[in-house]
Structures are given as structure tokens and as C-alpha cells.
Amino acid sequence: MRRRASVLVGVVVIALVLLCVHAYSTYRNADLVQRVATRFPVTGFVDARDSDHFIISATVYLLEPGYTIRPGEEPDSSIQHLVYSIRAENKTSQVLQGVLMDVKLSYLVIPYITSHFPYFSSMDPVDILPGKALCNSRVTQIPNVSTCGEPERQSLMQAITGPIQVVLRWQGGEERLLVTSDQIRLSTKASSETGGP
């Protein structure tokens, strides 16, 4: 009887610990979402090629159906992972201190991505040396492109490479940059840059 009670208490304690970890993780993510959504500007964006401080590159990786990213994830051929990777290289001769990057994907992609949330952001400010870069990525999911009809497939492909807004803030400066569709590279292969194999 005591053994059963001990096992039951152990299970309850483990469940409570897992619940606390999950609650903290949810709180931290919700805080980040709120921070990015409320401070994201509406106007004042210039073409990323005209940046005074950064060389911006944007790549969208469309991974094969059934490709898994997270350990223990079950392959699912009905979806495809999308990885958005934004790289901001310091093209000045000075260290840019306390750089934060906020990104907003095209509104066109919102109906297709599972989160329906177009924002992502760097978590902590970093210093960027001349010639070095800050990279920021986001993984999301979309329906398997090959199962879509031709009109929907074309709309989906245009949506995932729609214009991306990037806001870079650092001590003493800010730039609001628009990465247009012609500046976004679409790749259908996994890369070490995606965080995949």
C-alpha cells in the first residue's frame, strides 16, 4: 500500500514539474509574441538594398514532405516545414551594439502557416562586429504543396516568398527594411543553415 502511495506521489510531483516548465515556456513565448507585435512599426520601410548598415539576405527553405526537424517528431506527408532564415551582416567599420531583429512575414502567407502568426524576433540583443552577421530563423508548417490544386499551389508559392519586413534596432540606431520577393531565395533542400541535418 505504501509503495503505491509513493509511486502515486512521484507521478504527481513529476506531472507538476512538467506543468510548471510548460507554463513558463508558454509565458516566455507569449511575452515575446506580445513584445514583437506591439512594437512592430507600420510605416517607414525602405528597400533592404538601400540599408546604410546591413547587407540583408533572406532564404526560405521548403523542406520535403515528411521531413522532420525536431527530435521525436513523427513524419507527416500532409505537411511541409518552411524555414525562414534572415541574415543581417554589418557592412560598417564599427561594432553595432545591442542589435535586435524583428521580422514580419508577408500577410499573404498567414492563411497557410499553421501558427497564423507572421512575426518572429531575436530573443536577446547581440553585438555585431564589422563583416559579421546576426542570423534569425523561424520554422513553421504549411500544407503539402504537391497535394494542392494548381491555382492554390501558385498562390501558396507566391505567398511564401512574399515581401518580408525586417526591423533592426541597436544602441543609437534603427533601420526598417523591406526584403522584396526578388531578393528572397527559395531553396527546396535542407541546409546546415536551417538547423536541419
C-alpha atoms as a PDB file:
ATOM      1  CA  MET A   1       0.000   0.000   0.000  1.00  0.00           C
ATOM      2  CA  ARG A   2       2.814   2.426   0.901  1.00  0.00           C
ATOM      3  CA  ARG A   3       4.601   1.562  -2.341  1.00  0.00           C
ATOM      4  CA  ARG A   4       1.535   2.507  -4.386  1.00  0.00           C
ATOM      5  CA  ALA A   5       1.184   5.761  -2.473  1.00  0.00           C
ATOM      6  CA  SER A   6       4.879   6.550  -3.075  1.00  0.00           C
ATOM      7  CA  VAL A   7       4.525   5.835  -6.785  1.00  0.00           C
ATOM      8  CA  LEU A   8       1.390   7.962  -6.979  1.00  0.00           C
ATOM      9  CA  VAL A   9       3.082  10.871  -5.160  1.00  0.00           C
ATOM     10  CA  GLY A  10       6.094  10.553  -7.507  1.00  0.00           C
ATOM     11  CA  VAL A  11       3.875  10.661 -10.590  1.00  0.00           C
ATOM     12  CA  VAL A  12       2.021  13.712  -9.257  1.00  0.00           C
ATOM     13  CA  VAL A  13       5.303  15.525  -8.487  1.00  0.00           C
ATOM     14  CA  ILE A  14       6.661  14.810 -11.989  1.00  0.00           C
ATOM     15  CA  ALA A  15       3.399  15.974 -13.552  1.00  0.00           C
ATOM     16  CA  LEU A  16       3.525  19.226 -11.556  1.00  0.00           C
ATOM     17  CA  VAL A  17       7.147  19.863 -12.568  1.00  0.00           C
ATOM     18  CA  LEU A  18       6.292  19.285 -16.240  1.00  0.00           C
ATOM     19  CA  LEU A  19       3.278  21.571 -15.930  1.00  0.00           C
ATOM     20  CA  CYS A  20       5.443  24.341 -14.412  1.00  0.00           C
ATOM     21  CA  VAL A  21       8.054  24.001 -17.191  1.00  0.00           C
ATOM     22  CA  HIS A  22       5.327  24.115 -19.850  1.00  0.00           C
ATOM     23  CA  ALA A  23       3.675  27.140 -18.225  1.00  0.00           C
ATOM     24  CA  TYR A  24       6.993  29.038 -18.075  1.00  0.00           C
ATOM     25  CA  SER A  25       7.760  28.200 -21.707  1.00  0.00           C
ATOM     26  CA  THR A  26       4.296  29.344 -22.779  1.00  0.00           C
ATOM     27  CA  TYR A  27       4.673  32.552 -20.762  1.00  0.00           C
ATOM     28  CA  ARG A  28       8.080  33.324 -22.281  1.00  0.00           C
ATOM     29  CA  ASN A  29       6.815  32.701 -25.824  1.00  0.00           C
ATOM     30  CA  ALA A  30       3.672  34.770 -25.200  1.00  0.00           C
ATOM     31  CA  ASP A  31       5.833  37.596 -23.840  1.00  0.00           C
ATOM     32  CA  LEU A  32       7.991  37.520 -26.989  1.00  0.00           C
ATOM     33  CA  VAL A  33       4.919  37.478 -29.248  1.00  0.00           C
ATOM     34  CA  GLN A  34       3.409  40.440 -27.392  1.00  0.00           C
ATOM     35  CA  ARG A  35       6.715  42.361 -27.467  1.00  0.00           C
ATOM     36  CA  VAL A  36       7.175  41.917 -31.211  1.00  0.00           C
ATOM     37  CA  ALA A  37       3.558  42.535 -32.212  1.00  0.00           C
ATOM     38  CA  THR A  38       3.189  45.728 -30.163  1.00  0.00           C
ATOM     39  CA  ARG A  39       6.463  47.355 -31.181  1.00  0.00           C
ATOM     40  CA  PHE A  40       6.416  46.477 -34.869  1.00  0.00           C
ATOM     41  CA  PRO A  41       6.185  49.684 -36.929  1.00  0.00           C
ATOM     42  CA  VAL A  42       3.661  50.146 -39.709  1.00  0.00           C
ATOM     43  CA  THR A  43       5.458  52.627 -41.957  1.00  0.00           C
ATOM     44  CA  GLY A  44       8.902  53.911 -42.868  1.00  0.00           C
ATOM     45  CA  PHE A  45      10.326  50.833 -44.595  1.00  0.00           C
ATOM     46  CA  VAL A  46      12.998  51.192 -47.291  1.00  0.00           C
ATOM     47  CA  ASP A  47      14.323  48.638 -49.741  1.00  0.00           C
ATOM     48  CA  ALA A  48      16.819  46.359 -47.942  1.00  0.00           C
ATOM     49  CA  ARG A  49      19.356  47.026 -50.724  1.00  0.00           C
ATOM     50  CA  ASP A  50      19.444  50.677 -49.594  1.00  0.00           C
ATOM     51  CA  SER A  51      20.453  49.900 -45.993  1.00  0.00           C
ATOM     52  CA  ASP A  52      23.257  52.061 -44.604  1.00  0.00           C
ATOM     53  CA  HIS A  53      24.365  49.490 -42.045  1.00  0.00           C
ATOM     54  CA  PHE A  54      23.429  45.974 -43.188  1.00  0.00           C
ATOM     55  CA  ILE A  55      23.587  43.527 -46.050  1.00  0.00           C
ATOM     56  CA  ILE A  56      20.360  41.551 -45.768  1.00  0.00           C
ATOM     57  CA  SER A  57      19.847  38.084 -47.183  1.00  0.00           C
ATOM     58  CA  ALA A  58      16.658  36.076 -46.869  1.00  0.00           C
ATOM     59  CA  THR A  59      16.221  32.405 -47.686  1.00  0.00           C
ATOM     60  CA  VAL A  60      13.077  30.326 -47.459  1.00  0.00           C
ATOM     61  CA  TYR A  61      13.716  26.592 -47.190  1.00  0.00           C
ATOM     62  CA  LEU A  62      10.784  24.462 -48.319  1.00  0.00           C
ATOM     63  CA  LEU A  63      11.584  21.032 -46.905  1.00  0.00           C
ATOM     64  CA  GLU A  64      10.311  17.818 -48.432  1.00  0.00           C
ATOM     65  CA  PRO A  65       7.010  16.373 -47.146  1.00  0.00           C
ATOM     66  CA  GLY A  66       7.634  14.027 -44.233  1.00  0.00           C
ATOM     67  CA  TYR A  67      10.973  15.698 -43.387  1.00  0.00           C
ATOM     68  CA  THR A  68      11.333  16.019 -39.629  1.00  0.00           C
ATOM     69  CA  ILE A  69      13.185  18.776 -37.797  1.00  0.00           C
ATOM     70  CA  ARG A  70      12.554  18.146 -34.123  1.00  0.00           C
ATOM     71  CA  PRO A  71      13.773  15.023 -32.314  1.00  0.00           C
ATOM     72  CA  GLY A  72      10.975  12.509 -31.870  1.00  0.00           C
ATOM     73  CA  GLU A  73       8.753  14.218 -34.426  1.00  0.00           C
ATOM     74  CA  GLU A  74       6.651  11.789 -36.450  1.00  0.00           C
ATOM     75  CA  PRO A  75       6.897  12.180 -40.249  1.00  0.00           C
ATOM     76  CA  ASP A  76       3.707  13.611 -41.722  1.00  0.00           C
ATOM     77  CA  SER A  77       3.383  13.693 -45.506  1.00  0.00           C
ATOM     78  CA  SER A  78       0.364  16.037 -45.371  1.00  0.00           C
ATOM     79  CA  ILE A  79       2.542  18.986 -44.285  1.00  0.00           C
ATOM     80  CA  GLN A  80       5.836  20.587 -45.227  1.00  0.00           C
ATOM     81  CA  HIS A  81       8.166  22.543 -42.996  1.00  0.00           C
ATOM     82  CA  LEU A  82       9.100  26.060 -44.016  1.00  0.00           C
ATOM     83  CA  VAL A  83      12.223  27.612 -42.579  1.00  0.00           C
ATOM     84  CA  TYR A  84      12.612  31.374 -42.909  1.00  0.00           C
ATOM     85  CA  SER A  85      16.226  32.439 -42.447  1.00  0.00           C
ATOM     86  CA  ILE A  86      17.147  36.140 -42.297  1.00  0.00           C
ATOM     87  CA  ARG A  87      20.795  37.232 -42.163  1.00  0.00           C
ATOM     88  CA  ALA A  88      21.874  40.820 -41.404  1.00  0.00           C
ATOM     89  CA  GLU A  89      25.582  41.430 -41.981  1.00  0.00           C
ATOM     90  CA  ASN A  90      27.221  44.536 -40.519  1.00  0.00           C
ATOM     91  CA  LYS A  91      28.677  46.378 -43.515  1.00  0.00           C
ATOM     92  CA  THR A  92      30.047  49.296 -41.482  1.00  0.00           C
ATOM     93  CA  SER A  93      33.512  49.616 -39.966  1.00  0.00           C
ATOM     94  CA  GLN A  94      32.078  49.906 -36.449  1.00  0.00           C
ATOM     95  CA  VAL A  95      30.698  47.428 -33.927  1.00  0.00           C
ATOM     96  CA  LEU A  96      26.907  47.701 -33.751  1.00  0.00           C
ATOM     97  CA  GLN A  97      25.974  47.109 -30.119  1.00  0.00           C
ATOM     98  CA  GLY A  98      22.821  45.592 -28.699  1.00  0.00           C
ATOM     99  CA  VAL A  99      21.281  44.621 -32.034  1.00  0.00           C
ATOM    100  CA  LEU A 100      17.754  43.171 -32.033  1.00  0.00           C
ATOM    101  CA  MET A 101      15.992  41.884 -35.145  1.00  0.00           C
ATOM    102  CA  ASP A 102      12.223  41.777 -35.550  1.00  0.00           C
ATOM    103  CA  VAL A 103      10.725  40.160 -38.642  1.00  0.00           C
ATOM    104  CA  LYS A 104       7.240  40.231 -40.123  1.00  0.00           C
ATOM    105  CA  LEU A 105       6.387  37.815 -42.921  1.00  0.00           C
ATOM    106  CA  SER A 106       4.124  38.743 -45.798  1.00  0.00           C
ATOM    107  CA  TYR A 107       0.430  38.926 -44.906  1.00  0.00           C
ATOM    108  CA  LEU A 108      -0.130  36.610 -47.890  1.00  0.00           C
ATOM    109  CA  VAL A 109       1.398  33.640 -46.039  1.00  0.00           C
ATOM    110  CA  ILE A 110      -0.743  33.974 -42.887  1.00  0.00           C
ATOM    111  CA  PRO A 111      -3.608  31.705 -44.080  1.00  0.00           C
ATOM    112  CA  TYR A 112      -1.143  28.942 -44.986  1.00  0.00           C
ATOM    113  CA  ILE A 113       1.171  28.753 -41.955  1.00  0.00           C
ATOM    114  CA  THR A 114      -0.041  26.690 -39.023  1.00  0.00           C
ATOM    115  CA  SER A 115       0.618  29.364 -36.392  1.00  0.00           C
ATOM    116  CA  HIS A 116      -1.142  32.127 -38.382  1.00  0.00           C
ATOM    117  CA  PHE A 117       1.331  34.486 -36.682  1.00  0.00           C
ATOM    118  CA  PRO A 118       3.669  36.329 -39.063  1.00  0.00           C
ATOM    119  CA  TYR A 119       6.211  37.694 -36.536  1.00  0.00           C
ATOM    120  CA  PHE A 120       9.469  36.406 -35.164  1.00  0.00           C
ATOM    121  CA  SER A 121      12.314  38.058 -33.305  1.00  0.00           C
ATOM    122  CA  SER A 122      15.756  37.628 -31.847  1.00  0.00           C
ATOM    123  CA  MET A 123      15.484  36.882 -28.144  1.00  0.00           C
ATOM    124  CA  ASP A 124      18.455  38.836 -26.786  1.00  0.00           C
ATOM    125  CA  PRO A 125      20.484  41.803 -28.053  1.00  0.00           C
ATOM    126  CA  VAL A 126      23.874  40.987 -29.580  1.00  0.00           C
ATOM    127  CA  ASP A 127      26.896  42.992 -30.684  1.00  0.00           C
ATOM    128  CA  ILE A 128      27.784  42.595 -34.371  1.00  0.00           C
ATOM    129  CA  LEU A 129      31.390  43.142 -35.430  1.00  0.00           C
ATOM    130  CA  PRO A 130      32.179  44.576 -38.877  1.00  0.00           C
ATOM    131  CA  GLY A 131      31.770  41.852 -41.506  1.00  0.00           C
ATOM    132  CA  LYS A 132      29.870  39.575 -39.085  1.00  0.00           C
ATOM    133  CA  ALA A 133      26.158  38.848 -39.081  1.00  0.00           C
ATOM    134  CA  LEU A 134      23.096  38.248 -36.969  1.00  0.00           C
ATOM    135  CA  CYS A 135      21.012  35.331 -38.223  1.00  0.00           C
ATOM    136  CA  ASN A 136      17.428  34.735 -37.228  1.00  0.00           C
ATOM    137  CA  SER A 137      15.276  31.791 -38.298  1.00  0.00           C
ATOM    138  CA  ARG A 138      11.762  30.541 -37.868  1.00  0.00           C
ATOM    139  CA  VAL A 139      10.282  27.125 -38.559  1.00  0.00           C
ATOM    140  CA  THR A 140       6.621  26.774 -39.438  1.00  0.00           C
ATOM    141  CA  GLN A 141       4.438  24.362 -41.368  1.00  0.00           C
ATOM    142  CA  ILE A 142       2.264  24.613 -44.462  1.00  0.00           C
ATOM    143  CA  PRO A 143       0.080  22.100 -46.298  1.00  0.00           C
ATOM    144  CA  ASN A 144       1.952  19.735 -48.614  1.00  0.00           C
ATOM    145  CA  VAL A 145       2.361  21.785 -51.804  1.00  0.00           C
ATOM    146  CA  SER A 146       2.101  18.731 -54.061  1.00  0.00           C
ATOM    147  CA  THR A 147      -1.428  17.978 -52.796  1.00  0.00           C
ATOM    148  CA  CYS A 148      -2.730  21.439 -53.708  1.00  0.00           C
ATOM    149  CA  GLY A 149      -4.521  22.190 -56.973  1.00  0.00           C
ATOM    150  CA  GLU A 150      -2.596  24.324 -59.473  1.00  0.00           C
ATOM    151  CA  PRO A 151      -4.213  27.706 -58.631  1.00  0.00           C
ATOM    152  CA  GLU A 152      -3.757  27.165 -54.877  1.00  0.00           C
ATOM    153  CA  ARG A 153      -0.201  25.907 -55.421  1.00  0.00           C
ATOM    154  CA  GLN A 154       0.717  29.072 -57.336  1.00  0.00           C
ATOM    155  CA  SER A 155      -0.847  31.259 -54.639  1.00  0.00           C
ATOM    156  CA  LEU A 156       0.989  29.334 -51.920  1.00  0.00           C
ATOM    157  CA  MET A 157       4.362  29.616 -53.677  1.00  0.00           C
ATOM    158  CA  GLN A 158       3.868  33.368 -54.165  1.00  0.00           C
ATOM    159  CA  ALA A 159       2.811  33.754 -50.535  1.00  0.00           C
ATOM    160  CA  ILE A 160       5.846  32.037 -49.011  1.00  0.00           C
ATOM    161  CA  THR A 161       8.205  34.328 -50.927  1.00  0.00           C
ATOM    162  CA  GLY A 162       6.128  37.455 -50.320  1.00  0.00           C
ATOM    163  CA  PRO A 163       7.857  40.632 -49.070  1.00  0.00           C
ATOM    164  CA  ILE A 164       9.395  40.437 -45.602  1.00  0.00           C
ATOM    165  CA  GLN A 165       9.720  43.409 -43.254  1.00  0.00           C
ATOM    166  CA  VAL A 166      12.844  43.491 -41.072  1.00  0.00           C
ATOM    167  CA  VAL A 167      13.396  45.967 -38.245  1.00  0.00           C
ATOM    168  CA  LEU A 168      16.908  46.172 -36.817  1.00  0.00           C
ATOM    169  CA  ARG A 169      17.462  48.173 -33.627  1.00  0.00           C
ATOM    170  CA  TRP A 170      20.763  48.825 -31.896  1.00  0.00           C
ATOM    171  CA  GLN A 171      22.244  51.347 -29.486  1.00  0.00           C
ATOM    172  CA  GLY A 172      21.877  54.644 -31.297  1.00  0.00           C
ATOM    173  CA  GLY A 173      20.039  53.441 -34.381  1.00  0.00           C
ATOM    174  CA  GLU A 174      17.216  51.700 -36.160  1.00  0.00           C
ATOM    175  CA  GLU A 175      16.553  50.593 -39.723  1.00  0.00           C
ATOM    176  CA  ARG A 176      13.254  49.438 -41.190  1.00  0.00           C
ATOM    177  CA  LEU A 177      13.958  47.317 -44.230  1.00  0.00           C
ATOM    178  CA  LEU A 178      11.737  45.685 -46.823  1.00  0.00           C
ATOM    179  CA  VAL A 179      13.057  42.499 -48.401  1.00  0.00           C
ATOM    180  CA  THR A 180      11.165  42.248 -51.686  1.00  0.00           C
ATOM    181  CA  SER A 181      10.198  38.969 -53.345  1.00  0.00           C
ATOM    182  CA  ASP A 182      13.016  39.246 -55.893  1.00  0.00           C
ATOM    183  CA  GLN A 183      15.550  39.360 -53.021  1.00  0.00           C
ATOM    184  CA  ILE A 184      14.262  36.192 -51.344  1.00  0.00           C
ATOM    185  CA  ARG A 185      15.955  32.941 -52.262  1.00  0.00           C
ATOM    186  CA  LEU A 186      13.731  29.842 -52.276  1.00  0.00           C
ATOM    187  CA  SER A 187      15.508  26.564 -51.602  1.00  0.00           C
ATOM    188  CA  THR A 188      13.948  23.114 -51.595  1.00  0.00           C
ATOM    189  CA  LYS A 189      16.919  21.436 -49.945  1.00  0.00           C
ATOM    190  CA  ALA A 190      17.836  21.237 -46.271  1.00  0.00           C
ATOM    191  CA  SER A 191      20.987  23.034 -45.218  1.00  0.00           C
ATOM    192  CA  SER A 192      23.119  23.317 -42.112  1.00  0.00           C
ATOM    193  CA  GLU A 193      21.938  26.952 -42.061  1.00  0.00           C
ATOM    194  CA  THR A 194      18.341  25.805 -41.436  1.00  0.00           C
ATOM    195  CA  GLY A 195      19.266  23.963 -38.285  1.00  0.00           C
ATOM    196  CA  GLY A 196      18.453  20.719 -40.087  1.00  0.00           C
ATOM    197  CA  PRO A 197      20.885  17.937 -40.967  1.00  0.00           C
END
